[in-house]
Amino acid sequence: MKTLSIWAAIALFAASSSVAFAGKFSLQGTEVHTLQSETLEETVEIAVALPFGYQASSAKFPLLVALDGDIMFGMSAEVPRLLSFEGKVPPMIIATLAYGDLNKWIQKRQQDFHPAQGGAERFLYALEHEVLRLLKTQYRVDETSLGLYGHSSAGLFAVFAGISSPGLFTHILATSPSLEEEPDWAQGFLSQIVAAPILPKFYLSSDNSEQAVHEALVPSLNALKEKGGVAKTKYQRFETGGHMAVIPASYVAGLHFLFAN
């Protein structure tokens, strides 16, 4: 599959590199917490990008947890900040979990975002009971506006989290979610969607070149629209040129749909 070959190339790069990015740079207005996760049995970093004006305000802010923090956090954090200047997207807190090393990240994402040996269930438990608990304790989080963002396998996990724990996140942003990698797992979403008492608001996307992603997504998409209505579910296909090229455009469109004032 084309999607898998792209991530395999990243894995090859990671395997040939001993570079650890932790501590090499920082983003303006970003704080980092070290978390000893009992669930993941790992020491991880929780990076938090605060919106402009956070310190001067007493207000609560929406929270978006962005996955794949080791390579995606810069974009995930700065794009919402820039959009907030236009007033169409509210200022929000962006947080991520990072392993601090590309080798470990590429290995762990295969466990964290997929169902094999309970990896995705374990990772979701860690998000809820360790990561979100830390964020809600340390920051002024508006608990009525909690989002989760993921791309590719992380997008698959975001869909899984939104459907299997529908009361945890209120907004799910999944770009090119790789449901085709886990067809049996994706098929199980259908009954969960029907049974869920409430569902988050979903934004989903793919590139026009990603036919396998599109075909695997359609059944769940139709079920979500039938259950929650078109006002709570949006799917867009883009002509950007590929699995990675679609990220910026669909991330911006997803933020607008989910969080627009």
Protein backbone atom coordinates (compact mmCIF):
# COMPACT_ATOMS: atom_id res chain seq x y z
CA MET A 1 0.00 0.00 0.00
CA LYS A 2 1.18 3.50 -0.81
CA THR A 3 0.44 4.79 2.69
CA LEU A 4 2.47 2.06 4.34
CA SER A 5 5.39 2.59 1.97
CA ILE A 6 5.58 6.27 2.94
CA TRP A 7 5.73 5.48 6.63
CA ALA A 8 8.20 2.69 5.92
CA ALA A 9 10.46 5.30 4.33
CA ILE A 10 10.21 7.40 7.48
CA ALA A 11 11.03 4.33 9.54
CA LEU A 12 14.10 3.72 7.39
CA PHE A 13 15.22 7.29 7.96
CA ALA A 14 14.64 6.95 11.69
CA ALA A 15 16.58 3.68 11.82
CA SER A 16 19.56 5.34 10.13
CA SER A 17 19.54 8.35 12.42
CA SER A 18 20.45 8.68 16.06
CA VAL A 19 19.04 12.20 16.26
CA ALA A 20 16.77 12.95 19.21
CA PHE A 21 14.87 16.20 18.80
CA ALA A 22 14.07 16.80 22.45
CA GLY A 23 15.66 20.00 23.69
CA LYS A 24 17.07 21.01 20.30
CA PHE A 25 14.54 23.79 19.69
CA SER A 26 11.50 25.36 21.25
CA LEU A 27 8.31 26.98 20.06
CA GLN A 28 7.25 30.35 21.39
CA GLY A 29 4.80 30.02 24.26
CA THR A 30 5.36 26.30 24.69
CA GLU A 31 5.81 24.41 27.95
CA VAL A 32 7.02 20.83 28.35
CA HIS A 33 6.12 18.37 31.11
CA THR A 34 7.81 15.04 31.74
CA LEU A 35 5.29 12.29 32.43
CA GLN A 36 6.15 8.87 33.76
CA SER A 37 3.32 6.89 32.22
CA GLU A 38 2.46 3.76 34.15
CA THR A 39 0.08 2.73 31.39
CA LEU A 40 2.58 3.04 28.52
CA GLU A 41 5.52 2.02 30.72
CA GLU A 42 7.46 4.91 29.21
CA THR A 43 8.71 8.34 30.17
CA VAL A 44 7.12 10.73 27.68
CA GLU A 45 7.09 14.45 27.12
CA ILE A 46 3.85 16.42 27.07
CA ALA A 47 4.37 19.62 25.10
CA VAL A 48 1.77 22.36 25.43
CA ALA A 49 1.49 25.39 23.14
CA LEU A 50 -0.52 28.16 24.78
CA PRO A 51 -2.56 30.64 22.76
CA PHE A 52 -1.50 34.26 22.55
CA GLY A 53 -2.91 36.16 25.52
CA TYR A 54 -3.29 33.09 27.74
CA GLN A 55 -1.29 34.54 30.63
CA ALA A 56 -3.20 37.82 30.56
CA SER A 57 -6.58 36.09 30.65
CA SER A 58 -8.58 34.14 33.21
CA ALA A 59 -10.72 32.48 30.54
CA LYS A 60 -10.86 28.79 29.71
CA PHE A 61 -9.74 27.64 26.26
CA PRO A 62 -10.54 24.76 23.91
CA LEU A 63 -7.94 21.98 23.95
CA LEU A 64 -6.74 20.06 20.91
CA VAL A 65 -4.53 17.02 21.50
CA ALA A 66 -2.38 16.47 18.39
CA LEU A 67 -0.87 13.02 17.84
CA ASP A 68 2.54 12.13 16.34
CA GLY A 69 4.07 14.96 18.33
CA ASP A 70 7.65 14.01 17.44
CA ILE A 71 7.16 15.26 13.88
CA MET A 72 3.77 17.03 13.77
CA PHE A 73 3.76 19.34 16.78
CA GLY A 74 5.24 22.43 15.11
CA MET A 75 2.54 22.61 12.46
CA SER A 76 -0.20 21.45 14.81
CA ALA A 77 0.63 24.24 17.26
CA GLU A 78 1.35 27.20 15.02
CA VAL A 79 -1.47 26.88 12.47
CA PRO A 80 -4.27 27.36 15.05
CA ARG A 81 -2.40 30.33 16.49
CA LEU A 82 -2.26 31.99 13.07
CA LEU A 83 -5.91 31.21 12.33
CA SER A 84 -6.97 32.74 15.63
CA PHE A 85 -5.75 36.14 14.37
CA GLU A 86 -8.55 36.06 11.77
CA GLY A 87 -11.14 35.40 14.44
CA LYS A 88 -12.67 32.42 12.65
CA VAL A 89 -11.01 29.87 14.96
CA PRO A 90 -10.84 30.63 18.69
CA PRO A 91 -7.53 30.73 20.55
CA MET A 92 -6.89 27.22 21.81
CA ILE A 93 -4.41 25.12 23.75
CA ILE A 94 -2.54 22.59 21.60
CA ALA A 95 -0.93 19.65 23.39
CA THR A 96 0.95 16.58 22.25
CA LEU A 97 2.66 13.47 23.55
CA ALA A 98 6.20 12.86 22.25
CA TYR A 99 8.79 10.15 22.78
CA GLY A 100 11.69 12.47 21.99
CA ASP A 101 13.40 10.09 19.57
CA LEU A 102 12.48 9.19 16.00
CA ASN A 103 13.45 5.55 16.39
CA LYS A 104 11.19 5.09 19.40
CA TRP A 105 8.39 7.15 17.86
CA ILE A 106 8.15 5.10 14.67
CA GLN A 107 8.14 1.88 16.70
CA LYS A 108 5.63 3.09 19.27
CA ARG A 109 3.11 4.49 16.78
CA GLN A 110 2.62 0.97 15.40
CA GLN A 111 1.56 -0.07 18.90
CA ASP A 112 -0.22 3.09 20.01
CA PHE A 113 -2.51 3.55 17.03
CA HIS A 114 -3.37 -0.05 16.14
CA PRO A 115 -5.36 -2.76 17.92
CA ALA A 116 -2.66 -5.43 17.98
CA GLN A 117 -2.20 -6.72 21.53
CA GLY A 118 -4.44 -3.97 22.86
CA GLY A 119 -2.07 -1.15 21.92
CA ALA A 120 -4.72 1.35 20.87
CA GLU A 121 -6.91 0.63 23.88
CA ARG A 122 -3.89 1.09 26.14
CA PHE A 123 -2.91 4.36 24.48
CA LEU A 124 -6.46 5.71 24.76
CA TYR A 125 -6.49 4.84 28.45
CA ALA A 126 -3.21 6.73 28.90
CA LEU A 127 -4.63 9.77 27.10
CA GLU A 128 -7.72 9.84 29.27
CA HIS A 129 -6.30 8.99 32.68
CA GLU A 130 -2.78 10.44 32.48
CA VAL A 131 -2.37 13.01 29.70
CA LEU A 132 -5.77 14.72 29.90
CA ARG A 133 -5.70 14.59 33.69
CA LEU A 134 -2.36 16.45 33.69
CA LEU A 135 -3.57 19.02 31.16
CA LYS A 136 -6.83 19.73 32.99
CA THR A 137 -4.92 20.14 36.25
CA GLN A 138 -2.22 22.45 34.89
CA TYR A 139 -4.21 24.58 32.43
CA ARG A 140 -7.53 26.38 32.06
CA VAL A 141 -9.19 23.88 29.75
CA ASP A 142 -12.73 24.27 28.50
CA GLU A 143 -13.95 20.71 29.00
CA THR A 144 -16.88 21.29 26.66
CA SER A 145 -14.41 21.69 23.77
CA LEU A 146 -11.86 18.86 23.73
CA GLY A 147 -10.42 17.85 20.35
CA LEU A 148 -8.18 15.06 19.05
CA TYR A 149 -6.17 15.33 15.81
CA GLY A 150 -4.37 12.58 13.93
CA HIS A 151 -3.12 11.85 10.41
CA SER A 152 -2.83 8.45 8.71
CA SER A 153 -2.54 5.74 11.39
CA ALA A 154 -3.00 8.46 14.00
CA GLY A 155 -6.14 9.46 12.10
CA LEU A 156 -7.34 5.87 12.36
CA PHE A 157 -6.76 6.07 16.11
CA ALA A 158 -8.61 9.39 16.31
CA VAL A 159 -11.65 7.82 14.64
CA PHE A 160 -11.37 4.85 17.02
CA ALA A 161 -11.20 7.15 20.05
CA GLY A 162 -14.17 9.22 18.92
CA ILE A 163 -16.35 6.16 18.35
CA SER A 164 -15.27 3.83 21.15
CA SER A 165 -15.19 6.56 23.85
CA PRO A 166 -17.69 9.06 22.48
CA GLY A 167 -17.94 11.09 25.67
CA LEU A 168 -14.21 11.74 25.99
CA PHE A 169 -13.56 14.11 23.06
CA THR A 170 -16.08 16.53 21.58
CA HIS A 171 -14.20 17.08 18.30
CA ILE A 172 -12.35 14.57 16.11
CA LEU A 173 -10.08 15.76 13.28
CA ALA A 174 -8.79 12.81 11.25
CA THR A 175 -6.88 13.48 8.03
CA SER A 176 -6.39 10.51 5.69
CA PRO A 177 -7.35 8.02 8.44
CA SER A 178 -5.88 4.67 7.41
CA LEU A 179 -8.92 2.49 7.99
CA GLU A 180 -7.81 0.31 5.08
CA GLU A 181 -4.92 -0.91 7.25
CA GLU A 182 -7.37 -2.41 9.77
CA PRO A 183 -10.48 -3.53 7.82
CA ASP A 184 -11.85 -5.80 10.54
CA TRP A 185 -11.38 -3.12 13.18
CA ALA A 186 -12.98 -0.49 10.93
CA GLN A 187 -15.94 -2.77 10.24
CA GLY A 188 -16.57 -2.97 13.97
CA PHE A 189 -17.03 0.80 14.10
CA LEU A 190 -20.42 0.49 12.41
CA SER A 191 -22.17 -1.23 15.31
CA GLN A 192 -20.48 1.09 17.79
CA ILE A 193 -21.74 4.14 15.91
CA VAL A 194 -25.30 2.83 15.98
CA ALA A 195 -25.10 2.01 19.70
CA ALA A 196 -23.40 5.23 20.83
CA PRO A 197 -25.69 7.52 22.88
CA ILE A 198 -23.77 10.57 21.67
CA LEU A 199 -20.94 11.15 19.19
CA PRO A 200 -18.32 13.87 18.79
CA LYS A 201 -18.26 16.25 15.86
CA PHE A 202 -16.13 14.66 13.09
CA TYR A 203 -14.02 16.17 10.33
CA LEU A 204 -12.47 13.61 7.94
CA SER A 205 -10.42 14.03 4.79
CA SER A 206 -8.33 12.31 2.15
CA ASP A 207 -6.48 13.15 -1.03
CA ASN A 208 -8.07 12.16 -4.34
CA SER A 209 -5.11 9.85 -4.95
CA GLU A 210 -5.96 7.85 -1.81
CA GLN A 211 -8.67 5.63 -3.21
CA ALA A 212 -8.09 2.84 -0.68
CA VAL A 213 -8.44 5.31 2.21
CA HIS A 214 -11.62 6.70 0.67
CA GLU A 215 -13.27 3.33 0.08
CA ALA A 216 -12.48 2.10 3.59
CA LEU A 217 -13.82 5.30 5.12
CA VAL A 218 -17.16 5.50 3.32
CA PRO A 219 -19.12 2.96 5.44
CA SER A 220 -18.19 4.65 8.72
CA LEU A 221 -18.77 8.07 7.17
CA ASN A 222 -22.27 7.14 6.07
CA ALA A 223 -23.06 5.70 9.51
CA LEU A 224 -21.78 8.86 11.23
CA LYS A 225 -23.89 11.10 9.01
CA GLU A 226 -26.96 8.97 9.61
CA LYS A 227 -26.42 8.98 13.36
CA GLY A 228 -25.22 12.52 13.99
CA GLY A 229 -26.39 14.41 10.93
CA VAL A 230 -24.43 16.38 8.36
CA ALA A 231 -23.98 19.29 10.77
CA LYS A 232 -21.75 17.10 12.94
CA THR A 233 -19.88 15.22 10.20
CA LYS A 234 -17.90 16.54 7.25
CA TYR A 235 -15.71 14.72 4.74
CA GLN A 236 -13.54 16.42 2.13
CA ARG A 237 -11.36 15.09 -0.66
CA PHE A 238 -8.48 17.26 -1.86
CA GLU A 239 -6.35 17.44 -5.00
CA THR A 240 -3.01 18.07 -3.31
CA GLY A 241 -0.84 15.31 -4.70
CA GLY A 242 -0.57 12.71 -1.98
CA HIS A 243 -0.83 11.34 1.50
CA MET A 244 1.52 13.88 3.06
CA ALA A 245 0.67 16.83 0.83
CA VAL A 246 -2.94 16.75 1.99
CA ILE A 247 -2.02 17.48 5.61
CA PRO A 248 -1.90 21.32 5.68
CA ALA A 249 -5.05 21.99 3.66
CA SER A 250 -7.15 19.43 5.47
CA TYR A 251 -5.88 20.47 8.90
CA VAL A 252 -6.93 24.08 8.27
CA ALA A 253 -10.30 23.02 6.85
CA GLY A 254 -10.86 20.71 9.81
CA LEU A 255 -10.12 23.43 12.35
CA HIS A 256 -12.57 25.75 10.61
CA PHE A 257 -15.35 23.16 10.53
CA LEU A 258 -14.90 21.94 14.09
CA PHE A 259 -14.06 25.10 16.00
CA ALA A 260 -15.33 28.05 13.93
CA ASN A 261 -16.81 30.85 15.99
